[in-house]
Amino acid sequence: MKVARDELSDIDGSYEDLVYDYSVLQSAFADENKKGGEILCCAAERKLLTSYIELFESAEIKLKSMDISINALHKLTQELADLDNKTYIVSVLDGNNVSSYLFEKNHYTFSNRTRLFFRAWNTGFHI
C-alpha cells in the first residue's frame, strides 16, 4: 500500500482522509530487460466511499467489494477471450462525460475523461 500512497502523494493535500488501493496489471514486464511490474493505483475520500456504503445499505443491498471503473473494465476485458491480443478503445458516454480507455494487446495502457457541453458563461453542464 505504501507504493500506492507514494505514487499518489501529489494529490494527498487536495483531499481529506484518503483510502488507497492498487491492482496488479502485470507482475512482470514481457521485456526481460525491464525490471519490476505494473500496478494501477487509486485513492478515494473515505466520506465518498461511506456514502456509497450507506446508499446500498439503505436499499438492503449487501456489498462484497468496491472498485474503480478502470480496474473493473480491466478485469472484464481479461475474461473475454475474443479480446485476447487485440488493440482497441472502449468509450463510455455517461451523462456529460466521455471516458475512453486504450488497450494494446488486451493490456490497459491509457485513459482519458472529457466533459461535454460546457458553456463558459454557465457553471452547469447541459445535455
C-alpha atoms as a PDB file:
ATOM      1  CA  MET A   1       0.000   0.000   0.000  1.00  0.00           C
ATOM      2  CA  LYS A   2       2.984   2.293   0.559  1.00  0.00           C
ATOM      3  CA  VAL A   3       3.678   2.250  -3.186  1.00  0.00           C
ATOM      4  CA  ALA A   4       0.129   3.473  -3.906  1.00  0.00           C
ATOM      5  CA  ARG A   5       0.448   6.263  -1.313  1.00  0.00           C
ATOM      6  CA  ASP A   6       3.844   7.306  -2.675  1.00  0.00           C
ATOM      7  CA  GLU A   7       2.628   7.347  -6.290  1.00  0.00           C
ATOM      8  CA  LEU A   8      -0.383   9.478  -5.364  1.00  0.00           C
ATOM      9  CA  SER A   9       1.399  11.762  -2.877  1.00  0.00           C
ATOM     10  CA  ASP A  10       0.863  14.827  -5.116  1.00  0.00           C
ATOM     11  CA  ILE A  11      -2.911  14.717  -4.560  1.00  0.00           C
ATOM     12  CA  ASP A  12      -2.796  13.980  -0.839  1.00  0.00           C
ATOM     13  CA  GLY A  13      -3.086  17.636   0.228  1.00  0.00           C
ATOM     14  CA  SER A  14      -6.071  18.288  -2.058  1.00  0.00           C
ATOM     15  CA  TYR A  15      -8.415  15.797  -0.389  1.00  0.00           C
ATOM     16  CA  GLU A  16      -9.365  14.655   3.105  1.00  0.00           C
ATOM     17  CA  ASP A  17      -8.939  11.196   4.648  1.00  0.00           C
ATOM     18  CA  LEU A  18      -7.967   9.255   1.537  1.00  0.00           C
ATOM     19  CA  VAL A  19      -8.321   5.486   1.245  1.00  0.00           C
ATOM     20  CA  TYR A  20      -5.715   3.951  -1.076  1.00  0.00           C
ATOM     21  CA  ASP A  21      -5.797   0.773  -3.125  1.00  0.00           C
ATOM     22  CA  TYR A  22      -3.976  -0.811  -6.027  1.00  0.00           C
ATOM     23  CA  SER A  23      -4.308  -3.632  -8.526  1.00  0.00           C
ATOM     24  CA  VAL A  24      -1.503  -5.540 -10.222  1.00  0.00           C
ATOM     25  CA  LEU A  25      -1.798  -5.151 -14.000  1.00  0.00           C
ATOM     26  CA  GLN A  26       1.422  -7.041 -14.801  1.00  0.00           C
ATOM     27  CA  SER A  27       3.507  -8.834 -12.216  1.00  0.00           C
ATOM     28  CA  ALA A  28       6.467  -8.710 -14.613  1.00  0.00           C
ATOM     29  CA  PHE A  29       7.157  -6.993 -17.926  1.00  0.00           C
ATOM     30  CA  ALA A  30       7.227  -9.057 -21.127  1.00  0.00           C
ATOM     31  CA  ASP A  31      10.574  -7.425 -21.957  1.00  0.00           C
ATOM     32  CA  GLU A  32      13.083  -9.298 -19.801  1.00  0.00           C
ATOM     33  CA  ASN A  33      15.379  -6.243 -19.803  1.00  0.00           C
ATOM     34  CA  LYS A  34      12.763  -4.276 -17.835  1.00  0.00           C
ATOM     35  CA  LYS A  35      12.654  -4.941 -14.117  1.00  0.00           C
ATOM     36  CA  GLY A  36       9.539  -4.705 -11.989  1.00  0.00           C
ATOM     37  CA  GLY A  37       5.901  -4.821 -12.919  1.00  0.00           C
ATOM     38  CA  GLU A  38       2.927  -2.555 -13.409  1.00  0.00           C
ATOM     39  CA  ILE A  39       0.240  -1.542 -10.920  1.00  0.00           C
ATOM     40  CA  LEU A  40      -2.852   0.651 -11.088  1.00  0.00           C
ATOM     41  CA  CYS A  41      -3.089   2.934  -8.031  1.00  0.00           C
ATOM     42  CA  CYS A  42      -6.160   4.796  -6.845  1.00  0.00           C
ATOM     43  CA  ALA A  43      -7.363   6.868  -3.925  1.00  0.00           C
ATOM     44  CA  ALA A  44     -10.834   7.965  -2.822  1.00  0.00           C
ATOM     45  CA  GLU A  45     -12.070  10.075   0.030  1.00  0.00           C
ATOM     46  CA  ARG A  46     -13.420   7.940   2.856  1.00  0.00           C
ATOM     47  CA  LYS A  47     -16.619  10.053   3.027  1.00  0.00           C
ATOM     48  CA  LEU A  48     -17.368   9.234  -0.647  1.00  0.00           C
ATOM     49  CA  LEU A  49     -16.945   5.514   0.000  1.00  0.00           C
ATOM     50  CA  THR A  50     -19.072   5.787   3.151  1.00  0.00           C
ATOM     51  CA  SER A  51     -21.864   7.499   1.193  1.00  0.00           C
ATOM     52  CA  TYR A  52     -21.959   4.591  -1.284  1.00  0.00           C
ATOM     53  CA  ILE A  53     -21.961   2.040   1.534  1.00  0.00           C
ATOM     54  CA  GLU A  54     -24.845   3.854   3.255  1.00  0.00           C
ATOM     55  CA  LEU A  55     -26.784   4.105  -0.024  1.00  0.00           C
ATOM     56  CA  PHE A  56     -26.549   0.367  -0.653  1.00  0.00           C
ATOM     57  CA  GLU A  57     -27.354  -0.451   2.979  1.00  0.00           C
ATOM     58  CA  SER A  58     -30.499   1.711   2.783  1.00  0.00           C
ATOM     59  CA  ALA A  59     -31.539  -0.271  -0.307  1.00  0.00           C
ATOM     60  CA  GLU A  60     -30.770  -3.500   1.602  1.00  0.00           C
ATOM     61  CA  ILE A  61     -28.114  -4.491  -0.918  1.00  0.00           C
ATOM     62  CA  LYS A  62     -25.082  -6.229   0.575  1.00  0.00           C
ATOM     63  CA  LEU A  63     -21.793  -5.055  -0.919  1.00  0.00           C
ATOM     64  CA  LYS A  64     -18.957  -7.526  -1.311  1.00  0.00           C
ATOM     65  CA  SER A  65     -16.430  -5.025  -2.637  1.00  0.00           C
ATOM     66  CA  MET A  66     -15.997  -1.694  -4.385  1.00  0.00           C
ATOM     67  CA  ASP A  67     -13.832  -0.988  -7.404  1.00  0.00           C
ATOM     68  CA  ILE A  68     -12.943   1.869  -9.718  1.00  0.00           C
ATOM     69  CA  SER A  69     -14.227   1.815 -13.285  1.00  0.00           C
ATOM     70  CA  ILE A  70     -10.817   1.365 -14.923  1.00  0.00           C
ATOM     71  CA  ASN A  71      -9.962  -1.683 -12.831  1.00  0.00           C
ATOM     72  CA  ALA A  72     -13.427  -3.213 -13.273  1.00  0.00           C
ATOM     73  CA  LEU A  73     -13.122  -2.777 -17.045  1.00  0.00           C
ATOM     74  CA  HIS A  74      -9.612  -4.252 -16.974  1.00  0.00           C
ATOM     75  CA  LYS A  75     -10.878  -7.331 -15.102  1.00  0.00           C
ATOM     76  CA  LEU A  76     -13.736  -7.748 -17.600  1.00  0.00           C
ATOM     77  CA  THR A  77     -11.514  -7.489 -20.677  1.00  0.00           C
ATOM     78  CA  GLN A  78      -9.126 -10.091 -19.256  1.00  0.00           C
ATOM     79  CA  GLU A  79     -12.022 -12.569 -19.138  1.00  0.00           C
ATOM     80  CA  LEU A  80     -13.213 -12.032 -22.735  1.00  0.00           C
ATOM     81  CA  ALA A  81     -11.332 -14.464 -24.979  1.00  0.00           C
ATOM     82  CA  ASP A  82     -12.299 -12.553 -28.155  1.00  0.00           C
ATOM     83  CA  LEU A  83     -10.194  -9.594 -26.978  1.00  0.00           C
ATOM     84  CA  ASP A  84      -7.048 -11.613 -26.345  1.00  0.00           C
ATOM     85  CA  ASN A  85      -4.037  -9.950 -28.007  1.00  0.00           C
ATOM     86  CA  LYS A  86      -6.245  -7.270 -29.635  1.00  0.00           C
ATOM     87  CA  THR A  87      -5.752  -3.494 -29.589  1.00  0.00           C
ATOM     88  CA  TYR A  88      -8.925  -1.453 -29.071  1.00  0.00           C
ATOM     89  CA  ILE A  89     -10.559   1.547 -27.409  1.00  0.00           C
ATOM     90  CA  VAL A  90     -13.585   1.391 -25.123  1.00  0.00           C
ATOM     91  CA  SER A  91     -15.541   4.660 -24.886  1.00  0.00           C
ATOM     92  CA  VAL A  92     -18.247   5.187 -22.276  1.00  0.00           C
ATOM     93  CA  LEU A  93     -20.736   8.049 -22.515  1.00  0.00           C
ATOM     94  CA  ASP A  94     -22.053   8.819 -19.035  1.00  0.00           C
ATOM     95  CA  GLY A  95     -24.174  11.957 -18.782  1.00  0.00           C
ATOM     96  CA  ASN A  96     -21.847  14.843 -19.541  1.00  0.00           C
ATOM     97  CA  ASN A  97     -18.653  12.765 -19.596  1.00  0.00           C
ATOM     98  CA  VAL A  98     -16.959  10.575 -22.182  1.00  0.00           C
ATOM     99  CA  SER A  99     -14.382   8.176 -20.770  1.00  0.00           C
ATOM    100  CA  SER A 100     -12.072   6.428 -23.225  1.00  0.00           C
ATOM    101  CA  TYR A 101      -9.790   3.520 -22.391  1.00  0.00           C
ATOM    102  CA  LEU A 102      -6.993   2.286 -24.669  1.00  0.00           C
ATOM    103  CA  PHE A 103      -5.974  -1.371 -24.556  1.00  0.00           C
ATOM    104  CA  GLU A 104      -2.937  -2.586 -26.508  1.00  0.00           C
ATOM    105  CA  LYS A 105      -2.747  -6.346 -26.982  1.00  0.00           C
ATOM    106  CA  ASN A 106      -5.594  -6.501 -24.435  1.00  0.00           C
ATOM    107  CA  HIS A 107      -3.498  -4.638 -21.866  1.00  0.00           C
ATOM    108  CA  TYR A 108      -4.779  -1.364 -20.365  1.00  0.00           C
ATOM    109  CA  THR A 109      -2.372   1.445 -21.285  1.00  0.00           C
ATOM    110  CA  PHE A 110      -4.180   4.803 -21.182  1.00  0.00           C
ATOM    111  CA  SER A 111      -7.446   6.501 -20.268  1.00  0.00           C
ATOM    112  CA  ASN A 112      -8.965   9.941 -20.644  1.00  0.00           C
ATOM    113  CA  ARG A 113     -12.162  11.587 -19.456  1.00  0.00           C
ATOM    114  CA  THR A 114     -13.708  14.562 -21.248  1.00  0.00           C
ATOM    115  CA  ARG A 115     -16.620  16.715 -20.135  1.00  0.00           C
ATOM    116  CA  LEU A 116     -19.183  17.592 -22.770  1.00  0.00           C
ATOM    117  CA  PHE A 117     -21.456  20.548 -23.412  1.00  0.00           C
ATOM    118  CA  PHE A 118     -19.715  23.087 -21.198  1.00  0.00           C
ATOM    119  CA  ARG A 119     -20.796  26.693 -21.609  1.00  0.00           C
ATOM    120  CA  ALA A 120     -18.141  29.128 -20.403  1.00  0.00           C
ATOM    121  CA  TRP A 121     -20.704  31.613 -19.045  1.00  0.00           C
ATOM    122  CA  ASN A 122     -22.553  28.944 -17.078  1.00  0.00           C
ATOM    123  CA  THR A 123     -21.162  26.827 -14.235  1.00  0.00           C
ATOM    124  CA  GLY A 124     -23.505  23.934 -15.080  1.00  0.00           C
ATOM    125  CA  PHE A 125     -23.304  21.271 -17.743  1.00  0.00           C
ATOM    126  CA  HIS A 126     -26.138  20.616 -20.158  1.00  0.00           C
ATOM    127  CA  ILE A 127     -27.193  17.753 -22.370  1.00  0.00           C
END
